[in-house]
């Protein structure tokens, strides 16, 4: 898990064909939030318009949840997800 103050989650897996990143959260995340994904090969910002847990759409996820999010760009395992201001 990401250290406190070091982001709101970490990428655990990426489904290339679906363009969906699986994120282990350590802080709440909701639709409309803007995230910043940063890693060795990735660095981009995007607004969240869809969150799923076990293929069920939700509006908000909590710390500890493993969520799927449609992403605009490819990401890699261990990339850190930050809340963008």
Protein backbone atom coordinates (compact mmCIF):
# COMPACT_ATOMS: atom_id res chain seq x y z
CA UNK A 1 0.00 0.00 0.00
CA UNK A 2 1.09 3.58 -0.57
CA UNK A 3 2.53 5.40 2.43
CA UNK A 4 0.23 8.01 4.00
CA UNK A 5 0.72 11.37 2.34
CA UNK A 6 2.22 9.67 -0.70
CA UNK A 7 -0.93 9.29 -2.74
CA UNK A 8 -4.44 7.92 -2.55
CA UNK A 9 -3.67 4.55 -4.11
CA UNK A 10 -1.48 2.38 -6.26
CA UNK A 11 -2.05 0.62 -9.57
CA UNK A 12 -2.26 -3.15 -9.05
CA UNK A 13 -3.10 -4.19 -12.62
CA UNK A 14 -3.96 -2.74 -16.01
CA UNK A 15 -6.29 -4.31 -18.58
CA UNK A 16 -4.92 -2.98 -21.86
CA UNK A 17 -7.86 -3.97 -24.09
CA UNK A 18 -10.40 -2.46 -21.69
CA UNK A 19 -8.19 0.51 -20.72
CA UNK A 20 -9.07 -0.12 -17.08
CA UNK A 21 -6.68 0.29 -14.17
CA UNK A 22 -7.18 -1.62 -10.93
CA UNK A 23 -6.33 0.64 -8.00
CA UNK A 24 -5.85 -0.31 -4.35
CA UNK A 25 -7.12 2.76 -2.49
CA UNK A 26 -5.88 4.10 0.82
CA UNK A 27 -8.20 7.15 0.70
CA UNK A 28 -11.75 7.75 -0.53
CA UNK A 29 -12.36 8.42 -4.23
CA UNK A 30 -15.58 9.51 -5.96
CA UNK A 31 -16.86 10.26 -9.43
CA UNK A 32 -15.88 13.79 -10.39
CA UNK A 33 -12.56 13.68 -8.53
CA UNK A 34 -9.44 14.44 -10.54
CA UNK A 35 -6.46 12.11 -10.18
CA UNK A 36 -2.80 12.34 -11.12
CA UNK A 37 -1.18 9.02 -12.07
CA UNK A 38 2.60 9.01 -11.85
CA UNK A 39 5.13 6.26 -12.36
CA UNK A 40 8.41 5.49 -14.09
CA UNK A 41 6.73 5.63 -17.52
CA UNK A 42 3.45 7.42 -16.82
CA UNK A 43 2.48 10.94 -15.75
CA UNK A 44 -1.01 12.28 -16.52
CA UNK A 45 -4.07 13.86 -14.95
CA UNK A 46 -7.70 12.93 -15.59
CA UNK A 47 -11.17 13.27 -14.09
CA UNK A 48 -12.89 10.14 -12.81
CA UNK A 49 -16.16 9.42 -14.60
CA UNK A 50 -16.59 5.74 -13.72
CA UNK A 51 -15.70 3.55 -10.73
CA UNK A 52 -16.45 -0.14 -10.40
CA UNK A 53 -16.01 -2.79 -7.73
CA UNK A 54 -16.47 -6.38 -8.93
CA UNK A 55 -18.06 -5.09 -12.18
CA UNK A 56 -20.68 -3.06 -10.25
CA UNK A 57 -20.79 0.69 -10.88
CA UNK A 58 -20.49 2.82 -7.75
CA UNK A 59 -20.35 6.57 -7.10
CA UNK A 60 -17.78 6.51 -4.31
CA UNK A 61 -15.12 4.12 -3.02
CA UNK A 62 -13.43 4.01 0.38
CA UNK A 63 -9.94 3.43 1.68
CA UNK A 64 -9.10 -0.26 1.39
CA UNK A 65 -11.27 -0.81 -1.70
CA UNK A 66 -9.88 -2.40 -4.86
CA UNK A 67 -11.52 -0.49 -7.72
CA UNK A 68 -11.52 -0.50 -11.49
CA UNK A 69 -11.31 2.86 -13.26
CA UNK A 70 -11.42 3.60 -16.99
CA UNK A 71 -8.20 5.47 -17.82
CA UNK A 72 -7.27 7.72 -20.73
CA UNK A 73 -3.72 6.39 -20.91
CA UNK A 74 -1.89 3.14 -20.25
CA UNK A 75 -0.53 2.68 -16.74
CA UNK A 76 1.79 0.18 -15.09
CA UNK A 77 1.73 -1.78 -11.85
CA UNK A 78 3.10 0.21 -8.90
CA UNK A 79 2.27 3.60 -10.45
CA UNK A 80 1.04 5.91 -7.68
CA UNK A 81 -2.34 7.63 -7.87
CA UNK A 82 -2.57 11.09 -6.32
CA UNK A 83 -5.51 13.43 -5.85
CA UNK A 84 -5.00 16.33 -8.27
CA UNK A 85 -5.81 19.81 -6.96
